[in-house]
Protein backbone atom coordinates (compact mmCIF):
# COMPACT_ATOMS: atom_id res chain seq x y z
CA MET A 1 68.43 77.20 113.70
CA LYS A 2 71.24 79.79 114.71
CA ASN A 3 72.39 79.08 117.37
CA ASN A 4 72.98 75.27 115.90
CA SER A 5 74.88 77.07 113.19
CA ARG A 6 76.64 79.35 114.82
CA PRO A 7 79.80 77.13 115.95
CA LEU A 8 80.18 76.85 111.92
CA TYR A 9 81.03 80.63 111.29
CA MET A 10 83.75 79.92 114.48
CA VAL A 11 85.14 77.32 113.12
CA PRO A 12 87.98 79.32 110.84
CA TYR A 13 88.31 81.75 113.54
CA TYR A 14 89.31 79.04 116.00
CA LEU A 15 91.43 77.43 113.12
CA TRP A 16 92.86 80.85 112.76
CA ILE A 17 93.78 81.32 116.65
CA ALA A 18 95.24 77.38 116.57
CA LEU A 19 97.72 77.47 114.04
CA PHE A 20 98.80 81.26 114.03
CA VAL A 21 98.49 82.17 117.59
CA VAL A 22 98.77 78.62 119.58
CA ALA A 23 101.08 76.97 117.39
CA PRO A 24 103.85 79.45 117.73
CA ILE A 25 103.34 79.82 121.20
CA VAL A 26 103.62 76.23 121.57
CA LEU A 27 106.25 76.17 119.59
CA ILE A 28 108.56 78.91 120.98
CA GLY A 29 107.94 77.03 124.02
CA TYR A 30 109.02 73.62 123.15
CA TYR A 31 112.53 75.25 121.49
CA SER A 32 112.72 76.56 124.83
CA PHE A 33 114.54 73.34 126.54
CA LEU A 34 116.62 72.35 123.44
CA ASP A 35 120.29 73.37 123.49
CA LEU A 36 122.25 73.78 120.67
CA ASP A 37 122.44 69.79 119.81
CA GLY A 38 118.68 68.98 120.18
CA ASN A 39 118.77 68.17 123.82
CA PHE A 40 116.56 69.06 126.31
CA THR A 41 117.71 70.97 128.84
CA LEU A 42 116.88 73.99 131.78
CA ASP A 43 119.97 76.14 131.23
CA ASN A 44 118.45 78.89 129.29
CA TYR A 45 116.39 79.46 131.17
CA GLN A 46 119.38 79.49 133.69
CA ASN A 47 121.21 81.72 131.97
CA TYR A 48 118.03 84.16 131.49
CA PHE A 49 118.30 84.74 135.24
CA SER A 50 121.72 85.69 134.75
CA SER A 51 123.57 89.40 135.44
CA VAL A 52 123.66 89.95 131.29
CA TYR A 53 119.74 89.04 130.30
CA LEU A 54 118.80 90.39 133.80
CA ARG A 55 120.02 93.63 132.77
CA LEU A 56 118.94 93.61 129.40
CA THR A 57 115.07 93.52 130.60
CA LEU A 58 115.65 96.25 133.13
CA SER A 59 116.76 97.94 129.79
CA SER A 60 114.28 97.09 127.80
CA PHE A 61 112.12 98.45 130.23
CA TRP A 62 113.28 101.75 130.74
CA TYR A 63 113.22 102.23 126.93
CA ALA A 64 109.47 101.13 126.52
CA PHE A 65 108.38 103.44 129.70
CA LEU A 66 110.80 106.62 127.81
CA ILE A 67 109.39 105.92 125.03
CA THR A 68 105.96 105.42 126.37
CA PHE A 69 105.95 108.23 128.74
CA PHE A 70 106.58 111.19 125.98
CA SER A 71 103.80 109.11 123.60
CA ILE A 72 101.31 110.05 126.54
CA LEU A 73 102.82 113.50 127.56
CA ILE A 74 102.67 114.61 123.49
CA ALA A 75 99.63 112.85 122.53
CA TYR A 76 97.17 113.81 125.45
CA PRO A 77 97.10 117.63 125.15
CA THR A 78 97.26 116.31 121.22
CA ALA A 79 94.12 114.32 121.03
CA TYR A 80 92.50 116.99 123.69
CA TRP A 81 93.27 120.24 121.41
CA LEU A 82 91.67 117.48 118.26
CA THR A 83 88.41 117.42 120.26
CA LYS A 84 88.31 121.25 120.60
CA THR A 85 88.78 121.90 116.51
CA LYS A 86 86.42 122.06 114.52
CA HIS A 87 87.86 120.11 111.83
CA LYS A 88 89.09 117.15 114.51
CA GLN A 89 88.58 114.38 112.06
CA LEU A 90 90.68 115.95 109.11
CA TRP A 91 93.03 116.54 111.51
CA LEU A 92 93.03 113.08 113.37
CA LEU A 93 93.06 111.54 109.51
CA LEU A 94 96.59 113.93 109.00
CA ILE A 95 97.95 111.96 112.22
CA ILE A 96 96.78 109.16 111.06
CA ILE A 97 98.46 109.23 107.64
CA PRO A 98 101.96 108.81 108.51
CA SER A 99 101.70 105.12 110.47
CA TRP A 100 100.37 103.90 107.06
CA ILE A 101 103.95 104.73 105.69
CA ASN A 102 105.87 101.30 105.98
CA LEU A 103 108.23 101.35 109.20
CA LEU A 104 111.80 100.78 107.50
CA LEU A 105 111.40 103.77 105.00
CA LYS A 106 111.05 106.02 107.91
CA THR A 107 113.70 104.78 109.54
CA TYR A 108 115.51 105.65 106.01
CA ALA A 109 114.30 108.60 106.41
CA PHE A 110 115.76 109.44 109.92
CA ILE A 111 118.96 108.13 108.86
CA GLY A 112 119.02 110.76 106.22
CA ILE A 113 117.41 113.62 108.74
CA PHE A 114 120.01 112.73 111.62
CA GLY A 115 122.85 112.28 110.01
CA LEU A 116 126.06 114.50 109.51
CA TYR A 117 125.26 116.25 106.64
CA GLY A 118 121.26 115.97 107.18
CA PRO A 119 119.06 118.42 107.63
CA ALA A 120 119.45 118.63 111.72
CA ASN A 121 122.83 119.16 111.83
CA LYS A 122 122.77 121.88 109.09
CA PHE A 123 120.27 123.56 111.65
CA LEU A 124 122.00 123.29 114.63
CA SER A 125 125.28 124.51 112.43
CA MET A 126 123.45 127.38 110.97
CA ILE A 127 122.37 128.66 114.72
CA GLY A 128 125.96 128.32 116.13
CA ILE A 129 125.76 125.13 117.57
CA GLY A 130 128.18 123.51 115.51
CA GLU A 131 127.93 119.32 113.51
CA GLN A 132 126.72 117.11 116.39
CA GLN A 133 126.55 112.97 116.26
CA ILE A 134 122.63 112.81 116.70
CA LEU A 135 122.47 109.19 114.92
CA PHE A 136 123.37 106.39 117.16
CA THR A 137 122.40 107.78 120.36
CA ASP A 138 119.72 107.43 122.73
CA PHE A 139 118.26 110.34 122.04
CA SER A 140 117.54 109.65 118.33
CA PHE A 141 116.57 106.27 119.26
CA ILE A 142 114.01 107.69 122.18
CA PHE A 143 113.07 110.69 119.04
CA VAL A 144 112.34 108.02 116.25
CA SER A 145 110.45 105.76 118.33
CA VAL A 146 108.08 108.17 119.87
CA TYR A 147 107.19 109.37 116.42
CA ILE A 148 106.53 106.40 114.99
CA PHE A 149 104.27 105.44 118.16
CA ILE A 150 102.28 108.77 118.71
CA PRO A 151 99.96 108.08 116.75
CA PHE A 152 98.71 105.20 118.06
CA MET A 153 98.57 106.79 121.50
CA ILE A 154 96.72 109.58 119.82
CA LEU A 155 93.80 107.91 118.69
CA PRO A 156 92.59 106.05 121.58
CA ILE A 157 93.31 108.65 124.23
CA PHE A 158 91.65 111.24 121.85
CA ASN A 159 87.83 108.41 121.73
CA SER A 160 88.26 108.36 124.95
CA LEU A 161 88.54 112.47 125.14
CA ASP A 162 85.41 112.81 122.46
CA LYS A 163 83.43 110.30 124.49
CA LEU A 164 83.12 113.10 127.53
CA ASN A 165 79.59 114.42 127.90
CA PRO A 166 80.72 117.81 128.42
CA ALA A 167 78.04 118.65 131.35
CA LEU A 168 79.95 116.94 133.25
CA ILE A 169 82.81 119.63 132.73
CA ASP A 170 80.48 122.50 132.96
CA ALA A 171 79.03 121.04 136.85
CA SER A 172 82.39 120.60 137.44
CA ARG A 173 83.11 124.71 136.55
CA ASP A 174 79.83 125.56 138.05
CA LEU A 175 80.66 124.24 141.07
CA GLY A 176 83.79 126.35 142.11
CA ALA A 177 86.32 123.65 140.54
CA SER A 178 89.78 125.10 138.89
CA SER A 179 90.85 123.81 134.69
CA TRP A 180 93.35 121.46 136.88
CA MET A 181 90.79 120.01 139.35
CA THR A 182 88.35 119.45 136.46
CA PHE A 183 91.28 117.96 134.29
CA ARG A 184 92.54 115.89 137.55
CA LYS A 185 89.34 114.90 139.24
CA VAL A 186 86.77 114.24 136.56
CA VAL A 187 88.45 114.46 132.96
CA PHE A 188 91.61 112.39 133.04
CA PRO A 189 89.64 109.46 135.51
CA LEU A 190 86.70 109.34 132.36
CA ALA A 191 89.02 109.38 129.84
CA ILE A 192 91.91 106.22 131.79
CA ASN A 193 90.77 103.88 129.16
CA GLY A 194 92.41 105.36 126.49
CA VAL A 195 94.97 105.85 127.97
CA LYS A 196 95.51 102.43 129.30
CA SER A 197 94.60 101.57 125.47
CA GLY A 198 97.58 103.89 124.08
CA VAL A 199 100.34 102.22 127.33
CA GLN A 200 99.32 98.97 125.37
CA ALA A 201 99.24 100.10 121.77
CA VAL A 202 103.05 101.66 122.77
CA PHE A 203 104.33 99.28 125.43
CA ILE A 204 104.23 96.40 124.41
CA PRO A 205 105.52 96.75 120.68
CA ALA A 206 107.93 99.24 122.02
CA LEU A 207 109.71 96.30 124.18
CA SER A 208 110.46 93.86 120.83
CA LEU A 209 111.96 96.81 118.86
CA PHE A 210 114.66 95.58 116.85
CA VAL A 211 114.93 97.77 113.42
CA ILE A 212 115.12 100.80 114.70
CA THR A 213 117.81 99.44 117.29
CA ARG A 214 119.87 98.33 114.17
CA LEU A 215 119.73 101.80 112.09
CA ILE A 216 119.30 104.48 114.34
CA ALA A 217 120.62 102.99 117.47
CA GLY A 218 123.39 101.15 115.89
CA ASN A 219 123.49 98.18 118.44
CA LYS A 220 124.12 100.65 121.04
CA VAL A 221 120.68 100.14 122.52
CA ILE A 222 119.93 96.51 122.87
CA THR A 223 116.22 95.57 123.93
CA LEU A 224 114.75 92.07 124.31
CA GLY A 225 113.22 92.41 120.47
CA THR A 226 117.22 93.06 119.29
CA ALA A 227 118.97 89.96 122.03
CA ILE A 228 115.94 87.36 120.31
CA GLU A 229 117.43 88.81 116.31
CA GLN A 230 120.63 87.69 117.37
CA GLN A 231 120.15 84.47 119.05
CA PHE A 232 118.13 83.26 115.51
CA LEU A 233 119.84 85.03 112.89
CA VAL A 234 123.53 85.80 114.66
CA THR A 235 124.44 82.75 116.87
CA GLN A 236 121.83 80.36 115.66
CA ASN A 237 120.59 79.47 119.19
CA TRP A 238 117.31 78.99 118.81
CA GLY A 239 116.52 77.40 122.42
CA MET A 240 117.82 80.75 123.94
CA GLY A 241 116.55 83.09 121.59
CA SER A 242 112.94 81.41 122.47
CA THR A 243 113.71 81.62 125.98
CA ILE A 244 113.81 85.07 125.88
CA ALA A 245 110.56 85.32 123.62
CA VAL A 246 108.53 83.23 126.41
CA PHE A 247 109.45 86.65 129.18
CA LEU A 248 108.83 88.45 126.88
CA ILE A 249 105.42 87.16 126.04
CA LEU A 250 104.87 86.69 129.66
CA PHE A 251 106.12 90.38 130.59
CA MET A 252 103.85 90.78 127.52
CA PHE A 253 100.79 89.44 129.23
CA ILE A 254 101.60 90.99 132.56
CA ILE A 255 101.70 94.05 130.43
CA MET A 256 97.83 93.47 129.75
CA MET A 257 97.30 92.63 132.37
CA ALA A 258 97.72 95.13 134.34
CA THR A 259 95.93 98.14 132.02
CA GLY A 260 93.14 95.46 130.66
CA GLN A 261 90.11 98.03 131.38
CA LYS A 262 87.26 97.39 133.59
CA ASP A 263 83.74 99.08 132.32
CA LYS A 264 82.55 98.85 135.76
CA GLY A 265 79.12 101.12 134.99
CA GLY A 266 78.32 99.07 131.82
CA ALA A 267 78.40 96.27 133.96
CA GLU A 268 75.96 97.44 136.78
CA HIS A 269 73.60 98.76 133.87
CA GLU A 270 73.37 95.48 132.31
CA LYS A 271 71.96 94.41 135.50
CA VAL A 272 69.67 96.87 136.20
CA LYS A 273 68.27 96.08 133.06
């Protein structure tokens, strides 16, 4: 009886996937083959492989890499420290709470902080450096992006590190391994799935940023997300915008496949059972 009723419970799920996942992707694929007059064309795909869009793609990947790299650089030691603290759940909550604030509000807050008369420039003037143009630079764009994405990197890494068996670390040290060797040979490999999840949560959204590029970078940083917005809202070229979106979806799928988690140990355990 359960087997007969189970497909009924899956109907809302399949309907949701069909309407809000499959249908938009199909529409994007359809519009990518249309020109400004609504005629079928392959020019959009040919134009994408021109030097302009290829440089745009490489630039997007470069900025997404930098954002992800600095996020890992900050998140990994932070997550490791959290696992050693007494009130780790409280500290973790304090780190996650800023992610509940609206993205636009946080972005406008940094406009005030990094502005010519903001706290950042006042501090630079106080230490003798003087006022600097912080806004509309690569530094401000990467800094704000890392700040926004850092909770999404810390959380999966923390979960992986928190599940580690302390006996494995003790055994490594008992066998004469140094702290660095223990981290490289024991801790990092066992927590790699958390890093992969964090990369997915940061790198993929970083490819399609456009709000931060508009407000913080002042359009000096152009990403795939910014290009899509310009094609749809400024030039009204839905075909080219959809073509860029098709490649963005393709890149996201490749990244998810490359960072996919393979829990072979669990599979082998199930086989033994």
